[in-house]
Amino acid sequence: MIVVKIELWPCGFESRKREIGRMLIDNQGGTAKRGNYRVRVLRKGSEDKVLREGEVTNYPRQSYNVWRLVCRALKSTFHEEQ
């Protein structure tokens, strides 16, 4: 599982950080070269309450870095932003 956490650090102070977003990306199988992922965006402050769900299918695991997977995961959960 990949956990994407977004933190706000007021005025750059880590000691005052607070989490403002979280996304979970779960491997759902595929092949060594192509993967399928379940995507869940969680409610603010929650570790289990799902706000939005999506999926990334047939992702070329070995061709791109993790940020492309995160980008596709966001697009799969926020269709209105496409």
C-alpha atoms as a PDB file:
ATOM      1  CA  MET A   1       0.000   0.000   0.000  1.00  0.00           C
ATOM      2  CA  ILE A   2       1.133   3.515  -0.782  1.00  0.00           C
ATOM      3  CA  VAL A   3       0.036   6.212   1.665  1.00  0.00           C
ATOM      4  CA  VAL A   4       0.117   9.796   0.416  1.00  0.00           C
ATOM      5  CA  LYS A   5      -0.083  12.279   3.296  1.00  0.00           C
ATOM      6  CA  ILE A   6      -0.370  16.024   2.824  1.00  0.00           C
ATOM      7  CA  GLU A   7       0.723  18.148   5.754  1.00  0.00           C
ATOM      8  CA  LEU A   8       0.464  21.866   6.353  1.00  0.00           C
ATOM      9  CA  TRP A   9       3.434  23.358   8.200  1.00  0.00           C
ATOM     10  CA  PRO A  10       2.327  26.849   9.303  1.00  0.00           C
ATOM     11  CA  CYS A  11       5.113  29.365   8.603  1.00  0.00           C
ATOM     12  CA  GLY A  12       7.400  26.384   7.872  1.00  0.00           C
ATOM     13  CA  PHE A  13       7.367  25.111  11.461  1.00  0.00           C
ATOM     14  CA  GLU A  14       7.300  21.318  11.540  1.00  0.00           C
ATOM     15  CA  SER A  15       6.347  21.429  15.219  1.00  0.00           C
ATOM     16  CA  ARG A  16       3.000  22.987  14.201  1.00  0.00           C
ATOM     17  CA  LYS A  17       2.267  20.588  11.340  1.00  0.00           C
ATOM     18  CA  ARG A  18      -1.168  19.108  10.781  1.00  0.00           C
ATOM     19  CA  GLU A  19      -2.397  16.612   8.260  1.00  0.00           C
ATOM     20  CA  ILE A  20      -4.853  18.074   5.755  1.00  0.00           C
ATOM     21  CA  GLY A  21      -5.207  15.157   3.340  1.00  0.00           C
ATOM     22  CA  ARG A  22      -4.576  11.438   2.897  1.00  0.00           C
ATOM     23  CA  MET A  23      -4.860   9.001   0.001  1.00  0.00           C
ATOM     24  CA  LEU A  24      -4.382   5.234   0.017  1.00  0.00           C
ATOM     25  CA  ILE A  25      -3.267   3.390  -3.120  1.00  0.00           C
ATOM     26  CA  ASP A  26      -3.619  -0.404  -2.812  1.00  0.00           C
ATOM     27  CA  ASN A  27      -2.048  -2.904  -5.195  1.00  0.00           C
ATOM     28  CA  GLN A  28      -4.851  -5.066  -6.623  1.00  0.00           C
ATOM     29  CA  GLY A  29      -2.692  -7.334  -8.763  1.00  0.00           C
ATOM     30  CA  GLY A  30      -1.746  -7.451 -12.395  1.00  0.00           C
ATOM     31  CA  THR A  31       1.601  -8.547 -13.779  1.00  0.00           C
ATOM     32  CA  ALA A  32       5.202  -7.614 -13.063  1.00  0.00           C
ATOM     33  CA  LYS A  33       4.975  -4.980 -15.807  1.00  0.00           C
ATOM     34  CA  ARG A  34       1.368  -3.774 -15.477  1.00  0.00           C
ATOM     35  CA  GLY A  35      -0.506  -3.118 -12.255  1.00  0.00           C
ATOM     36  CA  ASN A  36      -4.014  -2.425 -11.040  1.00  0.00           C
ATOM     37  CA  TYR A  37      -4.645  -0.210  -8.024  1.00  0.00           C
ATOM     38  CA  ARG A  38      -7.581   0.735  -5.807  1.00  0.00           C
ATOM     39  CA  VAL A  39      -7.550   4.383  -4.750  1.00  0.00           C
ATOM     40  CA  ARG A  40      -9.236   5.869  -1.675  1.00  0.00           C
ATOM     41  CA  VAL A  41      -9.241   9.508  -0.612  1.00  0.00           C
ATOM     42  CA  LEU A  42      -9.996   9.733   3.097  1.00  0.00           C
ATOM     43  CA  ARG A  43     -11.956  12.327   5.006  1.00  0.00           C
ATOM     44  CA  LYS A  44      -9.850  14.951   6.741  1.00  0.00           C
ATOM     45  CA  GLY A  45      -8.632  13.659  10.079  1.00  0.00           C
ATOM     46  CA  SER A  46      -9.738  10.083   9.381  1.00  0.00           C
ATOM     47  CA  GLU A  47      -7.718   6.954   8.767  1.00  0.00           C
ATOM     48  CA  ASP A  48     -10.667   4.869   7.532  1.00  0.00           C
ATOM     49  CA  LYS A  49     -13.604   7.044   6.373  1.00  0.00           C
ATOM     50  CA  VAL A  50     -13.572   7.113   2.582  1.00  0.00           C
ATOM     51  CA  LEU A  51     -14.558  10.341   0.835  1.00  0.00           C
ATOM     52  CA  ARG A  52     -13.871   9.255  -2.761  1.00  0.00           C
ATOM     53  CA  GLU A  53     -12.835   6.057  -4.522  1.00  0.00           C
ATOM     54  CA  GLY A  54     -11.250   5.281  -7.857  1.00  0.00           C
ATOM     55  CA  GLU A  55      -8.959   2.878  -9.641  1.00  0.00           C
ATOM     56  CA  VAL A  56      -5.904   2.880 -11.831  1.00  0.00           C
ATOM     57  CA  THR A  57      -5.752  -0.071 -14.215  1.00  0.00           C
ATOM     58  CA  ASN A  58      -3.065  -1.398 -16.510  1.00  0.00           C
ATOM     59  CA  TYR A  59      -0.466   0.987 -15.038  1.00  0.00           C
ATOM     60  CA  PRO A  60       3.062   0.471 -16.477  1.00  0.00           C
ATOM     61  CA  ARG A  61       4.850  -0.180 -13.174  1.00  0.00           C
ATOM     62  CA  GLN A  62       8.399  -0.164 -14.526  1.00  0.00           C
ATOM     63  CA  SER A  63       8.058   2.698 -17.004  1.00  0.00           C
ATOM     64  CA  TYR A  64       7.249   5.634 -14.715  1.00  0.00           C
ATOM     65  CA  ASN A  65       8.022   6.827 -11.218  1.00  0.00           C
ATOM     66  CA  VAL A  66       5.547   6.888  -8.347  1.00  0.00           C
ATOM     67  CA  TRP A  67       4.428  10.482  -9.020  1.00  0.00           C
ATOM     68  CA  ARG A  68       2.737   9.443 -12.250  1.00  0.00           C
ATOM     69  CA  LEU A  69       0.816   6.808 -10.328  1.00  0.00           C
ATOM     70  CA  VAL A  70      -0.242   9.449  -7.774  1.00  0.00           C
ATOM     71  CA  CYS A  71      -1.340  11.751 -10.615  1.00  0.00           C
ATOM     72  CA  ARG A  72      -3.465   9.018 -12.186  1.00  0.00           C
ATOM     73  CA  ALA A  73      -4.874   8.132  -8.775  1.00  0.00           C
ATOM     74  CA  LEU A  74      -5.972  11.748  -8.248  1.00  0.00           C
ATOM     75  CA  LYS A  75      -7.577  11.885 -11.695  1.00  0.00           C
ATOM     76  CA  SER A  76      -9.476   8.662 -10.985  1.00  0.00           C
ATOM     77  CA  THR A  77     -11.022  10.100  -7.824  1.00  0.00           C
ATOM     78  CA  PHE A  78     -11.656  13.690  -8.923  1.00  0.00           C
ATOM     79  CA  HIS A  79     -13.326  13.242 -12.326  1.00  0.00           C
ATOM     80  CA  GLU A  80     -14.527  16.853 -12.400  1.00  0.00           C
ATOM     81  CA  GLU A  81     -10.907  18.052 -12.547  1.00  0.00           C
ATOM     82  CA  GLN A  82     -10.092  16.244 -15.787  1.00  0.00           C
END
